[in-house]
Amino acid sequence: RRGASVLKQLLTFARGGGGERFAIRVATVVGEMHAIMRETFPRSISVRMSIQDSDAWVTADPTQIHQVLMNLCVNARDAMPEGGQLTLTLRTVELDEAALAKNSDLCPGRYVELSVNDSGVGIAPEHLDRIFDPFFTTKELGQGTGLGLSSVLGIVKSHGGFIEVDTRVGHGTAFRVYLPASLKSDE
């Protein structure tokens, strides 16, 4: 099973996405992920959800958006071995050219922001530039493949989005995923 999982991640990373895309209500995906975490994460981790825009939609492959959230949430869980606070936040933001300065290939407009915040150990400055590199991991041998964040980045980019990371050693990490907002499905 572990080999199949690694192979699936490799193929997803190599393809840079794929899958069928259609308008999805992001609050539904966040709610499902919240329920999974509350049922499966250690009780020492308090899981919160803050949906500030329950009617936010993106055009996406829902399985891949689940994978993005799952990878970010599992990393957050692993960063809190003694427990802590994990918060999923969903909101819609308007980004102008200044906000997109680091992502000049993207257009200003409405974006759906998905945030995964933890109160964990944070990411050491010497690792920050490498966290999205394929096969880079700070986990013990056999505990991680180093494909989680590289897969997340590949999926987000293939959906026309980008990721920001804020972290401080000993004070936690926040991953913010931005995806272009879309109109509600007519279905």
C-alpha atoms as a PDB file:
ATOM      1  CA  ARG A   1       0.000   0.000   0.000  1.00  0.00           C
ATOM      2  CA  ARG A   2       2.813   2.371   0.842  1.00  0.00           C
ATOM      3  CA  GLY A   3       4.470   1.703  -2.545  1.00  0.00           C
ATOM      4  CA  ALA A   4       1.184   2.300  -4.353  1.00  0.00           C
ATOM      5  CA  SER A   5       0.716   5.556  -2.446  1.00  0.00           C
ATOM      6  CA  VAL A   6       4.209   6.770  -3.358  1.00  0.00           C
ATOM      7  CA  LEU A   7       3.648   5.822  -7.006  1.00  0.00           C
ATOM      8  CA  LYS A   8       0.323   7.669  -7.077  1.00  0.00           C
ATOM      9  CA  GLN A   9       1.983  10.793  -5.647  1.00  0.00           C
ATOM     10  CA  LEU A  10       4.822  10.519  -8.177  1.00  0.00           C
ATOM     11  CA  LEU A  11       2.376  10.270 -11.065  1.00  0.00           C
ATOM     12  CA  THR A  12       0.332  13.200  -9.789  1.00  0.00           C
ATOM     13  CA  PHE A  13       3.489  15.256  -9.396  1.00  0.00           C
ATOM     14  CA  ALA A  14       4.809  14.266 -12.842  1.00  0.00           C
ATOM     15  CA  ARG A  15       1.513  15.063 -14.557  1.00  0.00           C
ATOM     16  CA  GLY A  16       1.157  18.373 -12.721  1.00  0.00           C
ATOM     17  CA  GLY A  17      -2.482  17.764 -12.072  1.00  0.00           C
ATOM     18  CA  GLY A  18      -4.998  16.413 -14.517  1.00  0.00           C
ATOM     19  CA  GLY A  19      -8.325  14.934 -13.637  1.00  0.00           C
ATOM     20  CA  GLU A  20     -11.769  16.243 -14.429  1.00  0.00           C
ATOM     21  CA  ARG A  21     -12.421  19.816 -13.327  1.00  0.00           C
ATOM     22  CA  PHE A  22     -15.724  21.474 -12.628  1.00  0.00           C
ATOM     23  CA  ALA A  23     -17.114  24.143 -10.298  1.00  0.00           C
ATOM     24  CA  ILE A  24     -16.954  22.975  -6.688  1.00  0.00           C
ATOM     25  CA  ARG A  25     -18.128  24.650  -3.513  1.00  0.00           C
ATOM     26  CA  VAL A  26     -14.961  24.855  -1.424  1.00  0.00           C
ATOM     27  CA  ALA A  27     -16.783  24.944   1.919  1.00  0.00           C
ATOM     28  CA  THR A  28     -17.939  21.385   1.257  1.00  0.00           C
ATOM     29  CA  VAL A  29     -14.353  20.161   0.805  1.00  0.00           C
ATOM     30  CA  VAL A  30     -13.186  22.032   3.910  1.00  0.00           C
ATOM     31  CA  GLY A  31     -16.076  20.611   5.938  1.00  0.00           C
ATOM     32  CA  GLU A  32     -15.247  17.064   4.844  1.00  0.00           C
ATOM     33  CA  MET A  33     -11.575  17.559   5.747  1.00  0.00           C
ATOM     34  CA  HIS A  34     -12.537  19.015   9.127  1.00  0.00           C
ATOM     35  CA  ALA A  35     -14.667  15.943   9.877  1.00  0.00           C
ATOM     36  CA  ILE A  36     -11.837  13.570   8.884  1.00  0.00           C
ATOM     37  CA  MET A  37      -9.346  15.381  11.102  1.00  0.00           C
ATOM     38  CA  ARG A  38     -11.671  15.477  14.101  1.00  0.00           C
ATOM     39  CA  GLU A  39     -12.199  11.716  13.799  1.00  0.00           C
ATOM     40  CA  THR A  40      -8.620  10.632  13.062  1.00  0.00           C
ATOM     41  CA  PHE A  41      -6.176  13.144  14.568  1.00  0.00           C
ATOM     42  CA  PRO A  42      -4.999  12.750  18.162  1.00  0.00           C
ATOM     43  CA  ARG A  43      -7.289  14.307  20.769  1.00  0.00           C
ATOM     44  CA  SER A  44      -4.341  16.470  21.882  1.00  0.00           C
ATOM     45  CA  ILE A  45      -4.825  18.464  18.659  1.00  0.00           C
ATOM     46  CA  SER A  46      -7.740  20.873  18.725  1.00  0.00           C
ATOM     47  CA  VAL A  47      -9.180  21.215  15.217  1.00  0.00           C
ATOM     48  CA  ARG A  48     -11.058  24.371  14.269  1.00  0.00           C
ATOM     49  CA  MET A  49     -12.746  25.501  11.101  1.00  0.00           C
ATOM     50  CA  SER A  50     -13.457  29.088  10.097  1.00  0.00           C
ATOM     51  CA  ILE A  51     -15.539  29.479   6.957  1.00  0.00           C
ATOM     52  CA  GLN A  52     -15.815  33.173   6.177  1.00  0.00           C
ATOM     53  CA  ASP A  53     -17.345  32.642   2.728  1.00  0.00           C
ATOM     54  CA  SER A  54     -19.612  29.593   2.579  1.00  0.00           C
ATOM     55  CA  ASP A  55     -20.417  30.287  -1.073  1.00  0.00           C
ATOM     56  CA  ALA A  56     -16.839  30.291  -2.452  1.00  0.00           C
ATOM     57  CA  TRP A  57     -16.439  28.277  -5.662  1.00  0.00           C
ATOM     58  CA  VAL A  58     -13.416  27.195  -7.722  1.00  0.00           C
ATOM     59  CA  THR A  59     -13.068  25.226 -10.937  1.00  0.00           C
ATOM     60  CA  ALA A  60     -11.051  22.217  -9.828  1.00  0.00           C
ATOM     61  CA  ASP A  61     -10.616  18.484  -9.552  1.00  0.00           C
ATOM     62  CA  PRO A  62     -12.175  17.868  -6.103  1.00  0.00           C
ATOM     63  CA  THR A  63      -9.950  14.842  -5.452  1.00  0.00           C
ATOM     64  CA  GLN A  64      -6.856  16.961  -5.961  1.00  0.00           C
ATOM     65  CA  ILE A  65      -8.161  19.740  -3.698  1.00  0.00           C
ATOM     66  CA  HIS A  66      -8.770  17.068  -1.043  1.00  0.00           C
ATOM     67  CA  GLN A  67      -5.185  15.872  -1.573  1.00  0.00           C
ATOM     68  CA  VAL A  68      -3.849  19.422  -1.109  1.00  0.00           C
ATOM     69  CA  LEU A  69      -5.722  19.850   2.170  1.00  0.00           C
ATOM     70  CA  MET A  70      -4.900  16.341   3.382  1.00  0.00           C
ATOM     71  CA  ASN A  71      -1.154  16.787   2.790  1.00  0.00           C
ATOM     72  CA  LEU A  72      -1.112  20.183   4.515  1.00  0.00           C
ATOM     73  CA  CYS A  73      -3.178  18.914   7.464  1.00  0.00           C
ATOM     74  CA  VAL A  74      -1.074  15.774   7.950  1.00  0.00           C
ATOM     75  CA  ASN A  75       2.092  17.875   7.929  1.00  0.00           C
ATOM     76  CA  ALA A  76       0.483  20.199  10.484  1.00  0.00           C
ATOM     77  CA  ARG A  77      -0.438  17.211  12.666  1.00  0.00           C
ATOM     78  CA  ASP A  78       3.133  15.890  12.463  1.00  0.00           C
ATOM     79  CA  ALA A  79       4.472  19.324  13.458  1.00  0.00           C
ATOM     80  CA  MET A  80       2.527  19.091  16.750  1.00  0.00           C
ATOM     81  CA  PRO A  81       3.728  15.871  18.426  1.00  0.00           C
ATOM     82  CA  GLU A  82       2.711  17.213  21.850  1.00  0.00           C
ATOM     83  CA  GLY A  83      -0.620  18.542  20.603  1.00  0.00           C
ATOM     84  CA  GLY A  84      -1.768  22.009  19.715  1.00  0.00           C
ATOM     85  CA  GLN A  85      -4.191  23.985  17.585  1.00  0.00           C
ATOM     86  CA  LEU A  86      -4.935  23.350  13.897  1.00  0.00           C
ATOM     87  CA  THR A  87      -7.226  25.785  12.077  1.00  0.00           C
ATOM     88  CA  LEU A  88      -8.685  25.512   8.581  1.00  0.00           C
ATOM     89  CA  THR A  89      -9.849  28.849   7.186  1.00  0.00           C
ATOM     90  CA  LEU A  90     -11.751  29.599   3.995  1.00  0.00           C
ATOM     91  CA  ARG A  91     -12.358  33.081   2.633  1.00  0.00           C
ATOM     92  CA  THR A  92     -12.559  34.974  -0.647  1.00  0.00           C
ATOM     93  CA  VAL A  93     -10.087  37.784  -1.246  1.00  0.00           C
ATOM     94  CA  GLU A  94      -9.521  40.377  -3.944  1.00  0.00           C
ATOM     95  CA  LEU A  95      -5.876  40.419  -5.053  1.00  0.00           C
ATOM     96  CA  ASP A  96      -4.392  43.325  -6.977  1.00  0.00           C
ATOM     97  CA  GLU A  97      -1.126  43.544  -8.923  1.00  0.00           C
ATOM     98  CA  ALA A  98       0.825  44.469  -5.777  1.00  0.00           C
ATOM     99  CA  ALA A  99      -0.452  41.375  -3.953  1.00  0.00           C
ATOM    100  CA  LEU A 100       0.535  39.235  -6.941  1.00  0.00           C
ATOM    101  CA  ALA A 101       3.998  40.813  -7.391  1.00  0.00           C
ATOM    102  CA  LYS A 102       5.765  37.480  -6.716  1.00  0.00           C
ATOM    103  CA  ASN A 103       3.391  35.739  -9.140  1.00  0.00           C
ATOM    104  CA  SER A 104       3.503  38.036 -12.168  1.00  0.00           C
ATOM    105  CA  ASP A 105       1.964  35.368 -14.422  1.00  0.00           C
ATOM    106  CA  LEU A 106      -1.327  35.541 -12.491  1.00  0.00           C
ATOM    107  CA  CYS A 107      -4.155  38.004 -13.077  1.00  0.00           C
ATOM    108  CA  PRO A 108      -5.565  40.316 -10.409  1.00  0.00           C
ATOM    109  CA  GLY A 109      -9.057  39.411  -9.259  1.00  0.00           C
ATOM    110  CA  ARG A 110     -11.024  37.255  -6.829  1.00  0.00           C
ATOM    111  CA  TYR A 111      -9.255  34.296  -5.249  1.00  0.00           C
ATOM    112  CA  VAL A 112     -10.370  31.672  -2.766  1.00  0.00           C
ATOM    113  CA  GLU A 113      -7.910  31.467   0.113  1.00  0.00           C
ATOM    114  CA  LEU A 114      -7.598  28.148   1.953  1.00  0.00           C
ATOM    115  CA  SER A 115      -5.413  28.391   5.053  1.00  0.00           C
ATOM    116  CA  VAL A 116      -4.004  25.611   7.190  1.00  0.00           C
ATOM    117  CA  ASN A 117      -2.526  27.035  10.410  1.00  0.00           C
ATOM    118  CA  ASP A 118      -0.836  25.072  13.164  1.00  0.00           C
ATOM    119  CA  SER A 119       0.753  25.912  16.497  1.00  0.00           C
ATOM    120  CA  GLY A 120       3.546  23.406  15.929  1.00  0.00           C
ATOM    121  CA  VAL A 121       7.317  23.459  15.815  1.00  0.00           C
ATOM    122  CA  GLY A 122       7.579  25.685  12.729  1.00  0.00           C
ATOM    123  CA  ILE A 123       9.981  25.297   9.828  1.00  0.00           C
ATOM    124  CA  ALA A 124      13.665  26.045  10.328  1.00  0.00           C
ATOM    125  CA  PRO A 125      14.899  28.920   8.121  1.00  0.00           C
ATOM    126  CA  GLU A 126      17.537  26.701   6.512  1.00  0.00           C
ATOM    127  CA  HIS A 127      14.782  24.354   5.265  1.00  0.00           C
ATOM    128  CA  LEU A 128      12.269  26.939   4.082  1.00  0.00           C
ATOM    129  CA  ASP A 129      13.686  27.324   0.557  1.00  0.00           C
ATOM    130  CA  ARG A 130      13.547  23.551   0.000  1.00  0.00           C
ATOM    131  CA  ILE A 131      10.172  22.519   1.411  1.00  0.00           C
ATOM    132  CA  PHE A 132       8.547  22.224  -2.039  1.00  0.00           C
ATOM    133  CA  ASP A 133      11.472  20.272  -3.551  1.00  0.00           C
ATOM    134  CA  PRO A 134      10.565  16.705  -4.556  1.00  0.00           C
ATOM    135  CA  PHE A 135      11.911  14.135  -2.091  1.00  0.00           C
ATOM    136  CA  PHE A 136      12.985  16.756   0.483  1.00  0.00           C
ATOM    137  CA  THR A 137      11.835  15.800   3.968  1.00  0.00           C
ATOM    138  CA  THR A 138      12.849  16.517   7.538  1.00  0.00           C
ATOM    139  CA  LYS A 139      10.966  13.469   8.781  1.00  0.00           C
ATOM    140  CA  GLU A 140      12.660  10.339  10.054  1.00  0.00           C
ATOM    141  CA  LEU A 141      13.539   7.604   7.562  1.00  0.00           C
ATOM    142  CA  GLY A 142      10.376   5.742   6.617  1.00  0.00           C
ATOM    143  CA  GLN A 143       8.092   8.501   7.945  1.00  0.00           C
ATOM    144  CA  GLY A 144       7.790  10.626   4.821  1.00  0.00           C
ATOM    145  CA  THR A 145       8.517  10.511   1.104  1.00  0.00           C
ATOM    146  CA  GLY A 146       9.165  14.205   0.560  1.00  0.00           C
ATOM    147  CA  LEU A 147       6.435  14.285  -2.076  1.00  0.00           C
ATOM    148  CA  GLY A 148       3.601  15.836  -0.088  1.00  0.00           C
ATOM    149  CA  LEU A 149       4.439  19.519  -0.486  1.00  0.00           C
ATOM    150  CA  SER A 150       5.819  19.114  -4.006  1.00  0.00           C
ATOM    151  CA  SER A 151       2.511  17.465  -4.975  1.00  0.00           C
ATOM    152  CA  VAL A 152       0.597  20.288  -3.274  1.00  0.00           C
ATOM    153  CA  LEU A 153       2.543  22.898  -5.231  1.00  0.00           C
ATOM    154  CA  GLY A 154       2.077  21.036  -8.537  1.00  0.00           C
ATOM    155  CA  ILE A 155      -1.678  20.738  -8.018  1.00  0.00           C
ATOM    156  CA  VAL A 156      -2.108  24.356  -6.937  1.00  0.00           C
ATOM    157  CA  LYS A 157      -0.097  25.678  -9.893  1.00  0.00           C
ATOM    158  CA  SER A 158      -1.978  23.454 -12.341  1.00  0.00           C
ATOM    159  CA  HIS A 159      -5.193  25.049 -11.028  1.00  0.00           C
ATOM    160  CA  GLY A 160      -3.854  28.572 -11.689  1.00  0.00           C
ATOM    161  CA  GLY A 161      -3.051  29.326  -8.065  1.00  0.00           C
ATOM    162  CA  PHE A 162      -0.145  29.876  -5.715  1.00  0.00           C
ATOM    163  CA  ILE A 163       0.928  29.218  -2.115  1.00  0.00           C
ATOM    164  CA  GLU A 164       2.305  31.459   0.623  1.00  0.00           C
ATOM    165  CA  VAL A 165       4.008  30.175   3.772  1.00  0.00           C
ATOM    166  CA  ASP A 166       4.509  31.959   7.085  1.00  0.00           C
ATOM    167  CA  THR A 167       6.423  30.155   9.783  1.00  0.00           C
ATOM    168  CA  ARG A 168       8.359  30.802  12.959  1.00  0.00           C
ATOM    169  CA  VAL A 169      10.333  28.136  14.784  1.00  0.00           C
ATOM    170  CA  GLY A 170       8.513  27.219  17.973  1.00  0.00           C
ATOM    171  CA  HIS A 171       5.398  29.186  17.013  1.00  0.00           C
ATOM    172  CA  GLY A 172       3.785  27.298  14.150  1.00  0.00           C
ATOM    173  CA  THR A 173       3.215  27.527  10.437  1.00  0.00           C
ATOM    174  CA  ALA A 174       0.523  28.883   8.142  1.00  0.00           C
ATOM    175  CA  PHE A 175       0.119  27.648   4.570  1.00  0.00           C
ATOM    176  CA  ARG A 176      -2.206  29.812   2.476  1.00  0.00           C
ATOM    177  CA  VAL A 177      -3.383  28.364  -0.840  1.00  0.00           C
ATOM    178  CA  TYR A 178      -4.902  30.792  -3.352  1.00  0.00           C
ATOM    179  CA  LEU A 179      -7.069  29.514  -6.210  1.00  0.00           C
ATOM    180  CA  PRO A 180      -8.928  31.650  -8.765  1.00  0.00           C
ATOM    181  CA  ALA A 181     -12.544  32.023  -7.705  1.00  0.00           C
ATOM    182  CA  SER A 182     -15.175  30.862 -10.161  1.00  0.00           C
ATOM    183  CA  LEU A 183     -18.887  31.299 -10.524  1.00  0.00           C
ATOM    184  CA  LYS A 184     -21.287  28.806  -9.007  1.00  0.00           C
ATOM    185  CA  SER A 185     -22.096  25.820 -11.190  1.00  0.00           C
ATOM    186  CA  ASP A 186     -25.356  26.037 -13.102  1.00  0.00           C
ATOM    187  CA  GLU A 187     -26.067  22.377 -12.421  1.00  0.00           C
END
